[in-house]
Each structure stands twice: as structure tokens, then as C-alpha cells.
Protein backbone atom coordinates (compact mmCIF):
# COMPACT_ATOMS: atom_id res chain seq x y z
CA MET A 1 1.42 -37.61 16.75
CA HIS A 2 2.45 -35.97 20.02
CA ARG A 3 -0.96 -34.28 20.03
CA GLN A 4 -3.67 -34.56 22.67
CA PRO A 5 -7.22 -35.08 21.34
CA GLU A 6 -8.55 -32.35 23.57
CA ASN A 7 -5.94 -29.93 22.24
CA VAL A 8 -8.01 -27.36 20.37
CA ASP A 9 -5.02 -26.60 18.12
CA VAL A 10 -5.47 -29.96 16.40
CA VAL A 11 -9.04 -29.21 15.42
CA THR A 12 -8.39 -25.54 14.72
CA PHE A 13 -5.46 -26.31 12.44
CA LEU A 14 -7.17 -29.03 10.45
CA LEU A 15 -10.44 -27.16 9.97
CA SER A 16 -8.69 -23.94 9.06
CA GLU A 17 -6.39 -25.69 6.60
CA MET A 18 -9.29 -27.57 5.01
CA GLY A 19 -11.49 -24.49 4.89
CA THR A 20 -14.48 -26.20 6.41
CA SER A 21 -16.32 -26.68 9.69
CA GLY A 22 -16.51 -29.67 11.99
CA SER A 23 -16.37 -30.96 15.58
CA LEU A 24 -15.32 -33.90 17.72
CA ASP A 25 -18.00 -36.54 18.32
CA GLY A 26 -18.49 -38.55 21.50
CA GLN A 27 -15.68 -40.95 20.55
CA GLN A 28 -13.26 -38.11 19.87
CA HIS A 29 -13.51 -38.61 16.11
CA LEU A 30 -13.29 -35.45 14.06
CA VAL A 31 -16.38 -35.09 11.85
CA VAL A 32 -15.96 -32.52 9.05
CA LYS A 33 -18.37 -31.05 6.55
CA GLY A 34 -17.57 -31.74 2.92
CA ARG A 35 -15.86 -34.36 0.76
CA PHE A 36 -12.05 -34.60 0.88
CA ALA A 37 -9.63 -37.06 -0.69
CA SER A 38 -7.61 -39.11 1.79
CA LYS A 39 -4.31 -38.00 0.21
CA TYR A 40 -5.31 -34.40 0.73
CA ILE A 41 -5.88 -34.99 4.45
CA GLU A 42 -2.63 -36.97 4.64
CA GLY A 43 -0.83 -33.99 3.12
CA ILE A 44 -2.21 -31.70 5.81
CA LEU A 45 -1.23 -34.12 8.57
CA HIS A 46 2.26 -34.36 7.05
CA LYS A 47 2.54 -30.59 7.24
CA TYR A 48 1.10 -30.67 10.75
CA VAL A 49 3.40 -33.37 12.14
CA ILE A 50 6.52 -34.08 10.05
CA CYS A 51 9.66 -31.97 10.47
CA GLY A 52 10.58 -30.32 7.19
CA CYS A 53 14.31 -30.71 7.88
CA CYS A 54 14.96 -34.19 9.31
CA LYS A 55 11.52 -35.70 8.50
CA SER A 56 11.04 -36.81 12.09
CA PRO A 57 7.46 -37.06 13.43
CA ASP A 58 8.66 -36.02 16.90
CA THR A 59 7.36 -32.47 16.79
CA ILE A 60 5.35 -30.12 18.98
CA LEU A 61 2.83 -27.64 17.62
CA THR A 62 2.29 -24.29 19.31
CA ASN A 63 0.24 -21.36 18.18
CA GLY A 64 -0.11 -17.66 18.77
CA ASN A 65 -1.82 -14.75 17.04
CA HIS A 66 -2.93 -16.69 13.95
CA LEU A 67 0.44 -18.46 13.50
CA PHE A 68 1.13 -22.18 14.13
CA PHE A 69 4.77 -22.99 14.89
CA LEU A 70 6.09 -26.57 14.45
CA ILE A 71 9.15 -27.36 16.62
CA CYS A 72 11.18 -30.55 16.02
CA GLU A 73 12.43 -32.32 19.16
CA GLN A 74 15.01 -34.27 17.14
CA CYS A 75 16.93 -31.60 15.22
CA GLY A 76 15.66 -28.45 16.97
CA SER A 77 14.51 -26.73 13.78
CA GLY A 78 11.13 -25.12 13.34
CA HIS A 79 8.85 -23.61 10.74
CA PHE A 80 5.57 -21.76 10.57
CA VAL A 81 2.46 -23.34 9.11
CA VAL A 82 -0.39 -20.87 8.88
CA PRO A 83 -3.86 -21.97 7.77
CA ILE A 84 -6.13 -19.45 6.09
CA LYS A 85 -9.61 -19.59 4.66
CA ALA A 86 -10.36 -21.66 1.58
CA GLY A 87 -10.71 -19.81 -1.67
CA PHE A 88 -7.63 -17.60 -1.35
CA VAL A 89 -4.09 -18.59 -0.47
CA ALA A 90 -1.29 -16.04 -0.20
CA SER A 91 1.88 -17.86 0.80
CA TRP A 92 5.52 -16.93 1.15
CA THR A 93 8.56 -19.18 1.53
CA VAL A 94 11.58 -17.40 2.95
CA PHE A 95 14.81 -19.29 3.31
CA GLY A 96 18.17 -18.39 4.79
CA VAL A 97 21.25 -20.57 4.44
CA ASN A 98 24.69 -19.35 5.58
CA GLY A 99 23.55 -15.74 5.45
CA ASP A 100 22.19 -15.93 1.89
CA TRP A 101 18.54 -15.00 1.64
CA GLY A 102 16.09 -15.99 -1.04
CA PHE A 103 12.42 -15.59 -1.66
CA GLU A 104 9.55 -17.21 -3.50
CA SER A 105 5.95 -16.04 -3.49
CA THR A 106 2.68 -17.43 -4.79
CA VAL A 107 -0.93 -16.33 -4.70
CA GLU A 108 -3.42 -19.00 -5.65
CA GLU A 109 -7.17 -19.25 -5.92
CA THR A 110 -8.13 -22.78 -4.90
CA GLU A 111 -11.00 -24.81 -3.53
CA ASN A 112 -8.76 -26.51 -1.01
CA HIS A 113 -5.61 -25.34 0.73
CA LEU A 114 -2.36 -26.74 -0.56
CA SER A 115 0.38 -27.39 1.96
CA HIS A 116 3.66 -25.60 1.32
CA ALA A 117 6.25 -27.98 2.77
CA SER A 118 9.66 -26.76 3.90
CA THR A 119 12.68 -28.63 2.53
CA HIS A 120 15.70 -26.67 3.81
CA HIS A 121 17.05 -25.82 7.23
CA GLY A 122 15.84 -22.38 8.24
CA ILE A 123 12.81 -22.23 5.98
CA TYR A 124 9.65 -20.68 7.33
CA ASP A 125 6.32 -21.28 5.61
CA LEU A 126 4.39 -18.06 6.06
CA GLN A 127 0.82 -17.55 5.02
CA VAL A 128 -1.14 -14.42 5.77
CA ARG A 129 -4.68 -14.78 6.99
CA GLU A 130 -7.31 -13.08 4.88
CA ASP A 131 -9.13 -10.52 7.00
CA ASP A 132 -12.43 -11.67 8.37
CA ASP A 133 -13.60 -8.07 8.42
CA TRP A 134 -12.80 -5.42 5.84
CA GLN A 135 -12.60 -2.42 8.13
CA MET A 136 -11.59 1.21 7.66
CA VAL A 137 -7.94 2.09 7.94
CA GLN A 138 -7.50 4.41 10.91
CA LYS A 139 -4.67 6.31 12.54
CA GLN A 140 -3.43 5.84 16.08
CA GLY A 141 -0.55 8.16 16.86
CA ASN A 142 2.09 7.63 14.20
CA GLN A 143 0.70 4.29 13.00
CA PHE A 144 -1.99 3.21 10.58
CA VAL A 145 -4.20 0.50 12.07
CA VAL A 146 -6.91 -1.89 10.91
CA ASN A 147 -8.88 -3.84 13.50
CA ASP A 148 -6.45 -2.61 16.15
CA GLN A 149 -3.52 -4.18 14.25
CA PRO A 150 -0.78 -2.06 12.69
CA PHE A 151 -1.07 -1.55 8.95
CA TYR A 152 2.30 -0.76 7.42
CA VAL A 153 2.05 -0.25 3.69
CA ASN A 154 3.77 -1.62 0.64
CA GLY A 155 1.93 -0.23 -2.34
CA PHE A 156 2.00 1.23 -5.81
CA ASN A 157 0.60 3.86 -8.15
CA THR A 158 -1.36 3.29 -11.35
CA TYR A 159 -3.13 6.53 -12.14
CA TRP A 160 -5.10 5.52 -15.25
CA LEU A 161 -7.28 2.71 -13.87
CA MET A 162 -10.59 4.56 -14.24
CA VAL A 163 -9.93 5.45 -17.87
CA PHE A 164 -8.98 1.87 -18.73
CA ALA A 165 -12.04 0.54 -16.92
CA ALA A 166 -14.27 2.85 -18.98
CA ASP A 167 -13.45 0.84 -22.12
CA GLN A 168 -14.54 -2.80 -22.20
CA SER A 169 -11.55 -3.65 -24.41
CA THR A 170 -9.08 -2.54 -21.70
CA ARG A 171 -11.09 -3.15 -18.52
CA GLY A 172 -9.47 -6.54 -18.06
CA LYS A 173 -6.12 -4.81 -17.55
CA VAL A 174 -7.42 -3.41 -14.27
CA SER A 175 -8.14 -6.91 -12.95
CA GLU A 176 -4.84 -8.19 -14.32
CA LEU A 177 -2.92 -5.44 -12.55
CA PHE A 178 -4.65 -6.01 -9.21
CA HIS A 179 -3.99 -9.73 -9.48
CA GLN A 180 -0.28 -9.20 -10.13
CA ALA A 181 0.00 -6.60 -7.37
CA SER A 182 -1.76 -8.87 -4.90
CA SER A 183 0.57 -11.71 -5.88
CA ALA A 184 3.49 -9.51 -4.84
CA GLY A 185 1.82 -8.74 -1.51
CA LEU A 186 1.04 -5.12 -2.36
CA THR A 187 -1.89 -3.79 -0.34
CA VAL A 188 -2.47 -0.16 -1.37
CA CYS A 189 -2.89 1.48 -4.77
CA ARG A 190 -2.99 5.21 -5.45
CA THR A 191 -5.03 6.27 -8.46
CA TRP A 192 -7.02 9.18 -9.88
CA ALA A 193 -10.66 9.84 -8.97
CA PHE A 194 -10.74 12.69 -11.46
CA ASN A 195 -10.50 13.37 -15.16
CA ASP A 196 -11.55 16.96 -15.76
CA GLY A 197 -12.74 18.01 -19.20
CA GLN A 198 -10.36 15.74 -21.10
CA TRP A 199 -10.77 12.72 -23.34
CA ARG A 200 -13.01 10.22 -21.57
CA ALA A 201 -13.60 12.78 -18.83
CA LEU A 202 -15.30 11.93 -15.57
CA GLN A 203 -16.31 15.57 -15.04
CA THR A 204 -17.13 17.03 -18.45
CA SER A 205 -17.93 20.47 -17.02
CA PRO A 206 -18.49 21.75 -13.47
CA SER A 207 -20.81 19.28 -11.69
CA VAL A 208 -21.63 17.47 -14.96
CA TYR A 209 -20.46 13.85 -15.06
CA ASP A 210 -20.24 11.02 -17.56
CA GLU A 211 -22.10 8.19 -15.85
CA GLU A 212 -20.26 5.51 -17.80
CA VAL A 213 -16.90 6.82 -16.59
CA PHE A 214 -18.25 7.01 -13.04
CA LYS A 215 -19.29 3.37 -13.37
CA ALA A 216 -15.72 2.65 -14.42
CA LEU A 217 -14.48 4.16 -11.15
CA ASP A 218 -17.09 2.04 -9.37
CA PHE A 219 -15.57 -1.00 -11.05
CA VAL A 220 -12.03 -0.06 -10.02
CA ILE A 221 -13.07 0.19 -6.38
CA SER A 222 -15.07 -3.04 -6.39
CA GLU A 223 -12.26 -4.89 -8.17
CA ALA A 224 -9.68 -3.62 -5.71
CA LYS A 225 -11.74 -5.09 -2.87
CA LYS A 226 -11.71 -8.52 -4.55
CA TYR A 227 -7.93 -8.52 -4.39
CA LYS A 228 -7.77 -6.99 -0.89
CA ILE A 229 -6.15 -3.83 -2.19
CA ARG A 230 -7.05 -0.48 -0.67
CA LEU A 231 -7.13 2.74 -2.66
CA ILE A 232 -5.84 6.25 -2.12
CA LEU A 233 -8.06 8.36 -4.38
CA SER A 234 -6.70 11.69 -5.56
CA LEU A 235 -9.34 14.34 -6.28
CA THR A 236 -7.58 16.61 -8.78
CA ASN A 237 -4.19 17.47 -10.27
CA ASN A 238 -1.77 20.36 -9.98
CA TRP A 239 -0.61 19.52 -13.50
CA ASP A 240 -2.46 19.70 -16.80
CA ALA A 241 -2.71 15.92 -17.23
CA TYR A 242 -6.30 14.78 -16.72
CA GLY A 243 -7.42 18.42 -16.51
CA GLY A 244 -6.43 19.50 -13.04
CA LYS A 245 -6.39 23.08 -11.80
CA ALA A 246 -5.78 24.42 -15.32
CA GLN A 247 -9.12 22.94 -16.47
CA TYR A 248 -10.94 24.53 -13.52
CA VAL A 249 -9.50 27.89 -14.58
CA LYS A 250 -10.64 27.27 -18.18
CA TRP A 251 -14.14 26.56 -16.89
CA GLY A 252 -14.02 29.74 -14.86
CA LYS A 253 -12.97 31.80 -17.87
CA ALA A 254 -15.74 30.21 -19.95
CA ALA A 255 -18.16 31.37 -17.24
CA GLY A 256 -16.93 34.94 -17.63
CA LEU A 257 -14.48 35.14 -14.73
CA ASN A 258 -11.45 37.42 -15.09
CA LEU A 259 -8.65 34.97 -14.30
CA THR A 260 -4.97 35.48 -15.08
CA SER A 261 -3.23 32.51 -13.42
CA ASP A 262 -3.87 28.84 -12.90
CA ASP A 263 -2.97 29.44 -9.26
CA GLU A 264 -6.23 31.31 -8.83
CA PHE A 265 -7.69 27.82 -8.48
CA PHE A 266 -6.56 28.06 -4.85
CA SER A 267 -8.08 31.45 -4.08
CA HIS A 268 -11.05 32.29 -6.32
CA THR A 269 -14.36 31.60 -4.63
CA THR A 270 -16.06 30.23 -7.74
CA LEU A 271 -13.24 27.83 -8.59
CA LYS A 272 -13.14 26.61 -5.04
CA SER A 273 -16.88 26.00 -5.22
CA TYR A 274 -16.32 23.91 -8.39
CA TYR A 275 -13.78 21.79 -6.55
CA LYS A 276 -15.98 21.39 -3.49
CA ALA A 277 -18.85 20.26 -5.67
CA HIS A 278 -16.62 17.59 -7.19
CA VAL A 279 -15.52 16.44 -3.74
CA LYS A 280 -19.12 16.22 -2.58
CA THR A 281 -20.18 14.28 -5.67
CA VAL A 282 -17.38 11.73 -5.41
CA LEU A 283 -17.65 11.15 -1.67
CA ASN A 284 -21.41 10.70 -1.85
CA ARG A 285 -21.32 8.46 -4.90
CA VAL A 286 -23.10 5.11 -4.50
CA ASN A 287 -21.08 2.37 -6.14
CA THR A 288 -23.19 0.62 -8.80
CA PHE A 289 -21.31 -2.66 -8.23
CA THR A 290 -21.31 -2.82 -4.42
CA ASN A 291 -24.16 -0.44 -3.47
CA LEU A 292 -21.78 1.14 -0.98
CA THR A 293 -21.42 4.89 -0.76
CA TYR A 294 -17.80 5.81 -1.33
CA LYS A 295 -17.59 7.60 2.00
CA ASN A 296 -18.62 4.36 3.74
CA ASP A 297 -16.38 1.99 1.78
CA PRO A 298 -13.36 0.58 3.68
CA THR A 299 -11.71 -0.21 0.34
CA ILE A 300 -10.83 3.47 0.18
CA PHE A 301 -7.71 4.02 2.29
CA ALA A 302 -7.72 7.81 2.09
CA TRP A 303 -8.72 10.88 0.12
CA GLU A 304 -5.96 12.98 -1.42
CA LEU A 305 -6.79 16.66 -1.91
CA MET A 306 -4.58 17.13 -4.96
CA ASN A 307 -1.69 15.48 -6.74
CA GLU A 308 1.47 17.51 -6.04
CA PRO A 309 -0.10 20.90 -5.25
CA ARG A 310 2.10 23.92 -5.89
CA CYS A 311 1.32 27.64 -5.83
CA THR A 312 4.40 29.33 -7.30
CA SER A 313 2.63 32.71 -7.44
CA ASP A 314 2.84 32.87 -3.62
CA PRO A 315 6.20 31.53 -2.34
CA SER A 316 5.21 32.52 1.20
CA GLY A 317 2.89 29.52 1.20
CA ASP A 318 -0.06 31.44 2.64
CA THR A 319 -2.35 30.90 -0.35
CA LEU A 320 -1.88 27.15 -0.50
CA GLN A 321 -2.05 26.87 3.29
CA SER A 322 -5.42 28.62 3.32
CA TRP A 323 -6.73 26.31 0.60
CA ILE A 324 -5.53 23.18 2.44
CA GLN A 325 -7.18 24.35 5.66
CA GLU A 326 -10.48 24.97 3.91
CA MET A 327 -10.55 21.79 1.85
CA ALA A 328 -9.35 19.36 4.52
CA VAL A 329 -12.12 20.49 6.85
CA TYR A 330 -14.62 20.36 3.99
CA VAL A 331 -13.75 16.75 3.15
CA LYS A 332 -14.05 15.80 6.82
CA SER A 333 -17.43 17.54 7.06
CA ILE A 334 -18.76 15.09 4.46
CA ASP A 335 -16.72 12.04 5.41
CA ALA A 336 -15.32 11.85 8.93
CA LYS A 337 -14.51 8.14 8.60
CA HIS A 338 -11.76 8.17 6.01
CA LEU A 339 -8.24 9.49 6.34
CA VAL A 340 -7.24 12.63 4.47
CA GLU A 341 -3.86 13.60 3.05
CA ILE A 342 -2.76 16.57 0.96
CA GLY A 343 -0.71 15.02 -1.84
CA LEU A 344 2.44 17.09 -1.26
CA GLU A 345 5.89 16.33 -2.66
CA GLY A 346 7.45 17.19 0.69
CA PHE A 347 9.38 20.39 0.00
CA TYR A 348 10.31 22.48 3.03
CA GLY A 349 9.15 26.10 3.08
CA PRO A 350 9.53 29.34 5.03
CA SER A 351 8.22 27.95 8.33
CA ALA A 352 11.25 25.65 8.69
CA PRO A 353 14.33 27.40 7.28
CA ASP A 354 16.66 24.99 9.08
CA ARG A 355 15.14 22.10 7.11
CA ALA A 356 15.59 23.74 3.69
CA LYS A 357 19.01 22.08 3.46
CA PHE A 358 17.24 18.79 2.81
CA ASN A 359 15.42 20.16 -0.25
CA PRO A 360 16.82 18.88 -3.56
CA ASN A 361 17.45 22.41 -4.84
CA SER A 362 16.83 26.08 -3.99
CA TYR A 363 13.80 26.30 -6.28
CA ALA A 364 11.94 23.79 -4.08
CA THR A 365 11.59 26.46 -1.37
CA GLN A 366 9.81 28.79 -3.83
CA VAL A 367 6.88 26.64 -4.99
CA GLY A 368 4.46 27.70 -2.25
CA THR A 369 4.46 24.47 -0.26
CA ASP A 370 5.64 24.03 3.32
CA PHE A 371 5.86 20.43 4.49
CA ILE A 372 5.63 20.93 8.25
CA ARG A 373 3.19 23.85 8.28
CA ASN A 374 0.88 22.26 5.70
CA HIS A 375 0.65 19.00 7.61
CA GLN A 376 -0.17 20.68 10.91
CA THR A 377 -3.54 21.58 9.40
CA LEU A 378 -6.73 20.41 11.10
CA GLY A 379 -8.26 17.52 9.18
CA VAL A 380 -5.00 16.22 7.69
CA ASP A 381 -4.32 12.72 9.06
CA PHE A 382 -0.97 11.75 7.61
CA ALA A 383 1.92 13.21 5.67
CA SER A 384 2.74 12.51 2.03
CA VAL A 385 6.15 12.78 0.39
CA HIS A 386 7.43 12.04 -3.12
CA ILE A 387 10.98 10.98 -4.04
CA TYR A 388 12.40 11.85 -7.47
CA ALA A 389 16.14 12.34 -7.27
CA ASP A 390 16.44 11.91 -11.04
CA SER A 391 13.94 14.70 -11.68
CA TRP A 392 15.02 17.08 -8.93
CA ILE A 393 18.81 16.66 -8.85
CA SER A 394 20.12 15.18 -12.09
CA GLN A 395 18.85 12.96 -14.90
CA THR A 396 22.18 11.18 -14.89
CA ILE A 397 22.21 8.19 -12.57
CA SER A 398 24.71 8.39 -9.71
CA ASP A 399 25.21 7.42 -6.09
CA ALA A 400 24.12 10.95 -5.19
CA HIS A 401 20.56 9.80 -5.94
CA LEU A 402 20.80 7.14 -3.26
CA GLN A 403 22.34 9.52 -0.75
CA PHE A 404 19.62 12.10 -1.36
CA THR A 405 16.86 9.50 -1.10
CA LYS A 406 18.10 8.30 2.29
CA SER A 407 18.55 11.78 3.81
CA TRP A 408 15.23 13.00 2.31
CA MET A 409 13.32 10.11 3.83
CA GLU A 410 15.02 10.26 7.21
CA ALA A 411 14.38 14.01 7.50
CA HIS A 412 10.65 13.59 6.83
CA ILE A 413 10.31 10.60 9.13
CA GLU A 414 11.98 12.62 11.87
CA ASP A 415 9.66 15.59 11.27
CA ALA A 416 6.60 13.34 11.28
CA GLU A 417 7.66 12.03 14.69
CA LYS A 418 8.94 15.24 16.26
CA TYR A 419 6.55 17.90 14.95
CA LEU A 420 3.58 16.25 13.27
CA ARG A 421 3.07 13.11 15.39
CA MET A 422 1.56 11.29 12.46
CA PRO A 423 2.47 8.60 9.92
CA VAL A 424 4.33 9.61 6.78
CA LEU A 425 3.71 7.75 3.55
CA PHE A 426 6.13 8.07 0.64
CA THR A 427 3.36 8.06 -1.94
CA GLU A 428 5.53 8.23 -5.07
CA PHE A 429 9.06 7.07 -5.72
CA GLY A 430 10.94 5.59 -8.63
CA VAL A 431 13.58 6.07 -11.30
CA SER A 432 13.09 6.51 -15.04
CA ALA A 433 14.48 4.13 -17.64
CA LYS A 434 15.05 7.25 -19.76
CA ASP A 435 17.73 8.55 -17.39
CA THR A 436 21.33 8.54 -18.56
CA GLY A 437 23.12 5.55 -17.08
CA TYR A 438 19.92 3.76 -16.06
CA ASN A 439 19.86 0.01 -15.57
CA THR A 440 17.56 -2.34 -13.66
CA SER A 441 20.30 -3.01 -11.12
CA PHE A 442 20.23 0.63 -10.06
CA ARG A 443 16.43 0.57 -9.89
CA ASP A 444 16.61 -2.47 -7.62
CA THR A 445 19.19 -0.73 -5.43
CA LEU A 446 17.02 2.37 -5.15
CA ILE A 447 13.91 0.39 -4.22
CA SER A 448 15.88 -1.64 -1.68
CA SER A 449 17.24 1.58 -0.18
CA VAL A 450 13.73 2.98 0.26
CA TYR A 451 12.51 -0.24 1.85
CA LYS A 452 15.51 -0.48 4.19
CA THR A 453 15.04 3.11 5.38
CA LEU A 454 11.40 2.39 6.13
CA LEU A 455 12.22 -0.82 8.01
CA ASN A 456 14.79 1.03 10.10
CA SER A 457 11.99 3.38 11.14
CA THR A 458 9.47 0.64 11.70
CA LYS A 459 11.88 -1.34 13.91
CA LYS A 460 11.86 1.60 16.32
CA GLY A 461 8.13 2.22 16.12
CA GLY A 462 8.74 5.30 14.00
CA SER A 463 6.51 7.25 11.63
CA GLY A 464 7.77 5.64 8.42
CA ALA A 465 4.46 4.04 7.48
CA GLY A 466 5.16 2.78 3.98
CA SER A 467 5.75 3.60 0.35
CA LEU A 468 4.06 3.46 -3.05
CA LEU A 469 6.06 2.70 -6.19
CA TRP A 470 5.61 4.93 -9.22
CA GLN A 471 4.36 2.96 -11.04
CA LEU A 472 3.07 -0.56 -11.71
CA PHE A 473 1.85 -1.66 -15.16
CA PRO A 474 0.37 -4.92 -16.45
CA ASP A 475 1.62 -6.55 -19.64
CA GLY A 476 0.66 -4.89 -22.91
CA THR A 477 0.51 -1.31 -21.69
CA ASP A 478 4.01 -0.20 -22.70
CA TYR A 479 2.56 2.62 -24.81
CA MET A 480 1.52 4.33 -21.54
CA ASN A 481 5.00 4.06 -20.00
CA ASP A 482 6.50 7.36 -18.83
CA GLY A 483 9.81 5.64 -18.15
CA TYR A 484 9.00 4.68 -14.57
CA ALA A 485 6.72 1.72 -15.24
CA ILE A 486 7.47 -1.64 -13.65
CA VAL A 487 5.97 -4.74 -15.25
CA LEU A 488 6.41 -7.45 -12.63
CA SER A 489 6.32 -10.34 -15.10
CA LYS A 490 9.23 -8.79 -17.00
CA SER A 491 11.21 -7.72 -13.93
CA PRO A 492 11.93 -10.81 -11.79
CA SER A 493 14.66 -9.25 -9.65
CA THR A 494 12.53 -6.18 -8.89
CA SER A 495 9.50 -8.35 -8.25
CA ASN A 496 11.44 -10.41 -5.70
CA ILE A 497 12.56 -7.30 -3.82
CA ILE A 498 9.00 -5.99 -3.70
CA SER A 499 7.60 -9.35 -2.59
CA LEU A 500 10.18 -9.82 0.15
CA HIS A 501 9.39 -6.40 1.58
CA SER A 502 5.67 -7.21 1.42
CA THR A 503 6.33 -10.38 3.39
CA ARG A 504 8.27 -8.59 6.08
CA ILE A 505 5.57 -5.97 6.46
CA ALA A 506 2.73 -8.50 6.40
CA THR A 507 4.46 -10.65 8.99
CA PHE A 508 4.98 -7.74 11.33
CA ASN A 509 1.39 -6.57 10.88
CA SER A 510 0.21 -10.07 11.77
CA LEU A 511 2.41 -10.56 14.81
CA CYS A 512 2.17 -7.23 16.59
CA SER A 513 -0.63 -5.22 18.15
CA THR A 514 -0.84 -1.44 18.03
CA LYS A 515 0.80 -1.28 21.45
CA CYS A 516 3.79 -3.17 20.14
CA LYS A 517 6.74 -1.83 18.17
CA TRP A 518 9.51 -3.64 16.34
CA GLY A 519 11.59 -2.59 19.32
CA CYS A 520 9.86 -5.31 21.34
CA LYS A 521 12.15 -7.80 19.53
CA LYS A 522 9.78 -10.72 19.88
CA LYS A 523 11.65 -13.90 20.75
CA ASN A 524 10.66 -16.19 17.92
CA PRO A 525 12.31 -17.73 14.85
CA LEU A 526 11.09 -14.84 12.69
CA GLU A 527 13.32 -12.35 14.49
CA GLU A 528 16.32 -12.77 12.19
CA PHE A 529 14.05 -12.58 9.15
CA LEU A 530 12.35 -9.40 10.36
CA TYR A 531 15.57 -7.68 11.39
CA HIS A 532 17.92 -8.98 8.73
CA ASP A 533 19.74 -6.03 7.16
CA ASP A 534 20.00 -7.32 3.61
CA LEU A 535 17.16 -6.50 1.25
């Protein structure tokens, strides 16, 4: 077998692949715990020894940073074989022949690991190790990190999870969605931790909560953990949907306050106290499924102050800036462990007139937000940006959408590096099927363009930390579709693009430490895969 008995890689590989424990006895026989069929062990040894290209047994196994690399001495080819713990297998097969790239992905729940044999020249069998420890996401410079490893993000939005979980007849859709997202390698979901005064409200009136709906949010968080998906939880809305700032103003008026604008949400002491009370309640909530307090739960990636805050009554940006400063510090005073972001769309304001040229239109400078100034606030850990060329520029599909998307992203990545020195996450992007000239081919091109721009940043160790699609739906929820929904089972080409990007990100996160950038250009057979331009 070209393997030495004392070589710990032999034992490590076999035990890891079999998902069990064991040791060598005095006669150098491997004794393992459990009952395994001989063909199953033969299959593992085949994967461990036999070249996937020429079928020769003359191979050498090396390992490094959780990856085992099998090199054939006959034909010179190689492939990765990566054992992970029994019970959960996330595997990717990436193949490249004559410059053409393809992708297949599977996520399986199994009692024993199944080998994923390579059958073509240039195939790499990649499997990502399930984290031993589910730790908080942190920030180091312009990177997200988990356990001192970089954590670049491929994620999605599904805002209605709590409401669906509140009804037993639709709760299963939450699990179904997480399963499908996990199968595509998606690791972060952004969703609402609010529903103010509406149908199936979480907060029925200031500081009054429906316990059953809160339990539904508990379920969403606990279910996300099962599928190794982290959550960005938004705490209220700028828009009327799910209540938002308009509902806080209605509550204020019902209490006898003389309010004339929804924007007084940002400045009136009483309304701010309502919001702070909600923040305090959510952050201190003890999950009824996990018994973890939200503020101590690593499943939560970050808190978002508000979805798409705008204060059009004060184009100077001072009102919103004051609110952000107050609320970011308040959140941190309760929960210093989790990251905090604002929820901005990314429009440039008065503090950076030279950057206004990147805004999609002149109106964007008048909505009271100021990307650079807002994100220089104490307590804000990373920048958020949305991308909606079809909403901001034109509802008729054109190449101008792609050009805007690229320049919009590059400008914000540059600002995050030059002025903010923090990661930037593109927390919403997509294109609507209701747009004139829409087709799935354009959607795929747009998504690929976003991913390529991010990879170009990541290669250089830049601030482009990831993106979240708007939005992912499971089967049977078409009646909720706002035009942007992606159902993976019905969108094979889109699903493949998403999965390939997930694989690239997961591979990089596995190979590199926080002191390493893509610029290190590691000399291994993954280099072409990681740096390949085509998406």
C-alpha cells in the first residue's frame, strides 16, 4: 500500500472516514469500535490507495490542514480525499477538462461515510469538515473569522421564517429551506427578528409579546444550528412590511404623542425607548429549544439595527447618524459578543461628495444615509450594502445593470478597505422575474458577476466578505414570491452557480489561516480551481 504502519495518517484517515475510534494493538493491527461490513472498509481503502485516473495502487498520501491529498506515482495525477465526522457528509466534486468546468454537489445524512471516487483526470474530491466547535463569528481587521480561520460568506435571505414557524402547518418549510440551502453550501441566512403589530405579530404592542411567535423564532434559530447555518437577525424595518418604524409611530400616537412623520422614530425619546426595549427583550431571550440566551448563541452571526434605514426628512444625515450611534452602542452594552451592522443599502451621502457618482441616481443622496460616515460609528463591526440595479436604475433588463453592479461593489469594497478597515457584506442582491426582458440566463449572469467581483477581492485579501441572495424559497411557497425568489430545485443552472461559489469559499476557508490571503497563492492542485476566472 506504500504506507508505513507507524504513519499516523493511515489511522487518522481510516478512523475519520469510518466515523469511529480505534488504535493499533501490539501486533500493529488496527482495532476499531463498531461493526462494519468488509466491502465498506474495502471501499475506503480503495479511496485511500487507488489512483482515480489510471487505477494504479502506486500512490502516496500526504495531509495538511484537514485535507488528505493522494498523489499517483504512475500518471502524476492527484485528488483530495477529506474524511469528516459520521452523521453528516457535505461533499463536492469539481472537475476540469480542457478548460471546461463542471460541478456536482451532495449533502447526505448517513451512518457511515460513503467514498466519492474520482473518475476523470483533474477531478478533486472535496469534503468540508464539520466544525468541532460552534463558535462566535468575530472580526479581525477586514475579515470575518471563526476559530481563527477566515469565514467568507455565501448566504441568502428568507425574511418570513419566524412567521412560517409559528404555524405547525408551515413550520416544516423552515427545515426544508435550511436543508436545501445547506445542500448548496450556503452558510448564512438573514431573516427578521421582528413583526410589529401585524398579523401573527411578535410584538403586539410596545414590550408585549406573543409567546408562541417567540417560540417560533426560537425554533428558527435552533433549526439553523442543525444545518450549520448562521443567522443575521434584523430588529426592525424602515418599511411598513411587518410593522417597522411606521408601527412604532402608530403606537406613539395611540399613547398620546404628537407625531407628524414616521421619521420621528429616529428622534423621539419615547419611540427610541420602545425600540430599545425590543432590542433588550430579543437579545436576552432564552431559547426554549436550546436553553441558550440569544446573546450567547453562536448561531447568530450578527444583529442588524434596521432593514434599509432611511430618514428622508433630514437629507443631511445627522438624524440617522445620531440614531445609529445611540443604538449601536446600546446593542453592544447588552451583547458585546456578537457583531453589529446597520442594515444600510449603501448610498453615499454628504460626507463623501466625490463618491456620489457611484450612486444609482441623484435621489439616493437625499435619503438621509451616508455610507462611509454611518459605518465609522463606534459599535458597528462591518458594512452592509444592497444591490438592486433593476429597482434603482431601470426595470428593463440591460447590460447597464451588470456594469452598475460591478462598479457599485468595487467602490464599496475599496471604501471598506481604505476608510472603514472592516469587512463589507452585500446583504441583499438579486433581479426580479417581473422585470421587462428578464430571463434566468440574465439572473445567472448577474449572480456570477457578483461572485466574481467578490472573489477578485478575496484573492487580494480585500474587504469583500461575502453576499446574501435575495431571496431563497422552498417548494410550495410561490404565493409569497415578490419576483426575486429562487427555488433551487426548480433552478438547476442557478443552483450550480451558487454551489460552485460555496465550494470555492469553503475550500479557501479550510486551507487558509487568518494571517493568510489568497495572494499567498498556495502551491497545490487546488490553485487553478480557486483562481479560475470562469464562474
